[in-house]
Amino acid sequence: MNKTFLILALSATITASCSKTEKQNAADSETSLVQEAQILKCENGSTLTAIYFAEGDMVAVRIKKDQEAEQKLSAKGTNPNGDPYFRNSTYTWELLEDGKAGRLTHKGGSNCIYR
């Protein structure tokens, strides 16, 4: 009788522990996928704020140049030097070798290096 009770209690414990469902949202338990804002300056005095964040399996960047509206640029690949670049219909942001500075190019062709 004791063996039957022990087996029954053990089976009930295993069943209860294996059927527990996770109530916590996976997004809540992940580390933040948004980096701190980087404030960079161009030689001409212009200021750029860059915030990198996860966009699916890729990285994207939100930039704010001086008083302009914030722009979201999506990853598009790497340049011939292997540095990543991001683009939308107005701007291209190309990271430089140090991983912080970058070149911002406007669709009109003007560009500036921000450090």
C-alpha atoms as a PDB file:
ATOM      1  CA  MET A   1       0.000   0.000   0.000  1.00  0.00           C
ATOM      2  CA  ASN A   2       2.826   2.416   0.872  1.00  0.00           C
ATOM      3  CA  LYS A   3       4.543   1.722  -2.478  1.00  0.00           C
ATOM      4  CA  THR A   4       1.319   2.406  -4.364  1.00  0.00           C
ATOM      5  CA  PHE A   5       0.802   5.676  -2.503  1.00  0.00           C
ATOM      6  CA  LEU A   6       4.440   6.709  -3.097  1.00  0.00           C
ATOM      7  CA  ILE A   7       4.214   5.950  -6.844  1.00  0.00           C
ATOM      8  CA  LEU A   8       0.891   7.806  -7.089  1.00  0.00           C
ATOM      9  CA  ALA A   9       2.281  10.860  -5.242  1.00  0.00           C
ATOM     10  CA  LEU A  10       5.433  10.871  -7.388  1.00  0.00           C
ATOM     11  CA  SER A  11       3.363  10.610 -10.594  1.00  0.00           C
ATOM     12  CA  ALA A  12       1.112  13.478  -9.503  1.00  0.00           C
ATOM     13  CA  THR A  13       4.130  15.668  -8.695  1.00  0.00           C
ATOM     14  CA  ILE A  14       5.793  14.985 -12.054  1.00  0.00           C
ATOM     15  CA  THR A  15       2.552  15.604 -13.936  1.00  0.00           C
ATOM     16  CA  ALA A  16       1.924  18.893 -12.124  1.00  0.00           C
ATOM     17  CA  SER A  17       5.464  20.170 -12.647  1.00  0.00           C
ATOM     18  CA  CYS A  18       5.558  19.236 -16.349  1.00  0.00           C
ATOM     19  CA  SER A  19       2.212  20.808 -17.196  1.00  0.00           C
ATOM     20  CA  LYS A  20       2.958  24.263 -15.784  1.00  0.00           C
ATOM     21  CA  THR A  21       2.467  26.971 -18.397  1.00  0.00           C
ATOM     22  CA  GLU A  22       4.608  30.087 -18.604  1.00  0.00           C
ATOM     23  CA  LYS A  23       2.532  33.212 -18.016  1.00  0.00           C
ATOM     24  CA  GLN A  24       5.346  35.762 -18.425  1.00  0.00           C
ATOM     25  CA  ASN A  25       5.594  37.425 -21.816  1.00  0.00           C
ATOM     26  CA  ALA A  26       8.880  36.596 -23.578  1.00  0.00           C
ATOM     27  CA  ALA A  27       9.337  40.260 -24.534  1.00  0.00           C
ATOM     28  CA  ASP A  28       9.233  41.236 -20.849  1.00  0.00           C
ATOM     29  CA  SER A  29      12.038  38.848 -19.951  1.00  0.00           C
ATOM     30  CA  GLU A  30      14.387  39.902 -22.773  1.00  0.00           C
ATOM     31  CA  THR A  31      17.113  42.431 -22.246  1.00  0.00           C
ATOM     32  CA  SER A  32      16.346  45.767 -23.849  1.00  0.00           C
ATOM     33  CA  LEU A  33      17.183  45.711 -27.531  1.00  0.00           C
ATOM     34  CA  VAL A  34      17.475  49.494 -27.756  1.00  0.00           C
ATOM     35  CA  GLN A  35      20.890  51.062 -27.210  1.00  0.00           C
ATOM     36  CA  GLU A  36      21.547  54.389 -25.551  1.00  0.00           C
ATOM     37  CA  ALA A  37      21.406  57.483 -27.734  1.00  0.00           C
ATOM     38  CA  GLN A  38      24.723  58.615 -29.219  1.00  0.00           C
ATOM     39  CA  ILE A  39      25.137  62.331 -29.828  1.00  0.00           C
ATOM     40  CA  LEU A  40      27.581  63.064 -32.632  1.00  0.00           C
ATOM     41  CA  LYS A  41      28.802  66.308 -34.204  1.00  0.00           C
ATOM     42  CA  CYS A  42      29.834  67.213 -37.728  1.00  0.00           C
ATOM     43  CA  GLU A  43      32.636  69.626 -38.619  1.00  0.00           C
ATOM     44  CA  ASN A  44      30.025  72.132 -39.832  1.00  0.00           C
ATOM     45  CA  GLY A  45      28.432  72.243 -36.340  1.00  0.00           C
ATOM     46  CA  SER A  46      25.456  70.017 -37.136  1.00  0.00           C
ATOM     47  CA  THR A  47      24.378  67.570 -34.405  1.00  0.00           C
ATOM     48  CA  LEU A  48      23.056  64.056 -34.965  1.00  0.00           C
ATOM     49  CA  THR A  49      21.465  61.722 -32.423  1.00  0.00           C
ATOM     50  CA  ALA A  50      21.629  58.017 -33.328  1.00  0.00           C
ATOM     51  CA  ILE A  51      19.752  55.240 -31.525  1.00  0.00           C
ATOM     52  CA  TYR A  52      20.343  51.652 -32.666  1.00  0.00           C
ATOM     53  CA  PHE A  53      17.641  49.055 -32.034  1.00  0.00           C
ATOM     54  CA  ALA A  54      16.577  45.570 -33.077  1.00  0.00           C
ATOM     55  CA  GLU A  55      14.183  45.274 -35.996  1.00  0.00           C
ATOM     56  CA  GLY A  56      13.416  41.579 -36.323  1.00  0.00           C
ATOM     57  CA  ASP A  57      16.777  39.809 -36.802  1.00  0.00           C
ATOM     58  CA  MET A  58      18.391  42.986 -38.123  1.00  0.00           C
ATOM     59  CA  VAL A  59      19.550  46.247 -36.590  1.00  0.00           C
ATOM     60  CA  ALA A  60      18.008  49.593 -37.498  1.00  0.00           C
ATOM     61  CA  VAL A  61      18.805  53.142 -36.433  1.00  0.00           C
ATOM     62  CA  ARG A  62      16.708  56.173 -35.587  1.00  0.00           C
ATOM     63  CA  ILE A  63      18.471  59.432 -36.347  1.00  0.00           C
ATOM     64  CA  LYS A  64      17.589  63.006 -35.513  1.00  0.00           C
ATOM     65  CA  LYS A  65      19.608  65.683 -37.271  1.00  0.00           C
ATOM     66  CA  ASP A  66      19.489  69.130 -35.657  1.00  0.00           C
ATOM     67  CA  GLN A  67      15.817  70.198 -35.490  1.00  0.00           C
ATOM     68  CA  GLU A  68      14.566  67.876 -38.252  1.00  0.00           C
ATOM     69  CA  ALA A  69      12.026  65.141 -37.597  1.00  0.00           C
ATOM     70  CA  GLU A  70      13.349  61.777 -36.443  1.00  0.00           C
ATOM     71  CA  GLN A  71      14.022  59.300 -39.271  1.00  0.00           C
ATOM     72  CA  LYS A  72      14.125  55.491 -39.129  1.00  0.00           C
ATOM     73  CA  LEU A  73      16.769  53.862 -41.323  1.00  0.00           C
ATOM     74  CA  SER A  74      16.829  50.111 -41.949  1.00  0.00           C
ATOM     75  CA  ALA A  75      19.951  47.992 -42.431  1.00  0.00           C
ATOM     76  CA  LYS A  76      20.741  47.472 -46.114  1.00  0.00           C
ATOM     77  CA  GLY A  77      24.094  45.676 -46.091  1.00  0.00           C
ATOM     78  CA  THR A  78      27.769  46.545 -45.897  1.00  0.00           C
ATOM     79  CA  ASN A  79      30.003  48.876 -47.870  1.00  0.00           C
ATOM     80  CA  PRO A  80      33.191  47.674 -49.649  1.00  0.00           C
ATOM     81  CA  ASN A  81      35.125  48.119 -46.360  1.00  0.00           C
ATOM     82  CA  GLY A  82      32.694  45.784 -44.562  1.00  0.00           C
ATOM     83  CA  ASP A  83      31.054  48.554 -42.531  1.00  0.00           C
ATOM     84  CA  PRO A  84      27.244  48.392 -42.187  1.00  0.00           C
ATOM     85  CA  TYR A  85      24.989  51.031 -43.661  1.00  0.00           C
ATOM     86  CA  PHE A  86      21.366  51.986 -43.116  1.00  0.00           C
ATOM     87  CA  ARG A  87      18.995  53.732 -45.507  1.00  0.00           C
ATOM     88  CA  ASN A  88      15.559  55.199 -46.021  1.00  0.00           C
ATOM     89  CA  SER A  89      14.177  57.369 -48.838  1.00  0.00           C
ATOM     90  CA  THR A  90      15.996  60.501 -47.588  1.00  0.00           C
ATOM     91  CA  TYR A  91      19.235  59.465 -45.852  1.00  0.00           C
ATOM     92  CA  THR A  92      21.999  56.874 -45.833  1.00  0.00           C
ATOM     93  CA  TRP A  93      23.915  56.371 -42.556  1.00  0.00           C
ATOM     94  CA  GLU A  94      27.210  54.542 -43.027  1.00  0.00           C
ATOM     95  CA  LEU A  95      29.121  53.469 -39.920  1.00  0.00           C
ATOM     96  CA  LEU A  96      32.853  54.058 -39.946  1.00  0.00           C
ATOM     97  CA  GLU A  97      35.549  51.683 -38.696  1.00  0.00           C
ATOM     98  CA  ASP A  98      35.336  52.708 -35.031  1.00  0.00           C
ATOM     99  CA  GLY A  99      31.671  51.617 -34.893  1.00  0.00           C
ATOM    100  CA  LYS A 100      30.493  54.953 -33.494  1.00  0.00           C
ATOM    101  CA  ALA A 101      31.278  57.668 -36.055  1.00  0.00           C
ATOM    102  CA  GLY A 102      29.500  57.648 -39.371  1.00  0.00           C
ATOM    103  CA  ARG A 103      28.813  59.389 -42.645  1.00  0.00           C
ATOM    104  CA  LEU A 104      25.331  60.761 -43.239  1.00  0.00           C
ATOM    105  CA  THR A 105      24.479  61.263 -46.901  1.00  0.00           C
ATOM    106  CA  HIS A 106      21.352  63.095 -48.045  1.00  0.00           C
ATOM    107  CA  LYS A 107      19.552  61.888 -51.169  1.00  0.00           C
ATOM    108  CA  GLY A 108      20.666  65.148 -52.843  1.00  0.00           C
ATOM    109  CA  GLY A 109      24.295  64.038 -52.511  1.00  0.00           C
ATOM    110  CA  SER A 110      25.506  66.212 -49.622  1.00  0.00           C
ATOM    111  CA  ASN A 111      27.263  64.348 -46.821  1.00  0.00           C
ATOM    112  CA  CYS A 112      28.989  64.947 -43.512  1.00  0.00           C
ATOM    113  CA  ILE A 113      31.037  62.769 -41.155  1.00  0.00           C
ATOM    114  CA  TYR A 114      29.725  62.771 -37.590  1.00  0.00           C
ATOM    115  CA  ARG A 115      32.043  61.905 -34.700  1.00  0.00           C
END
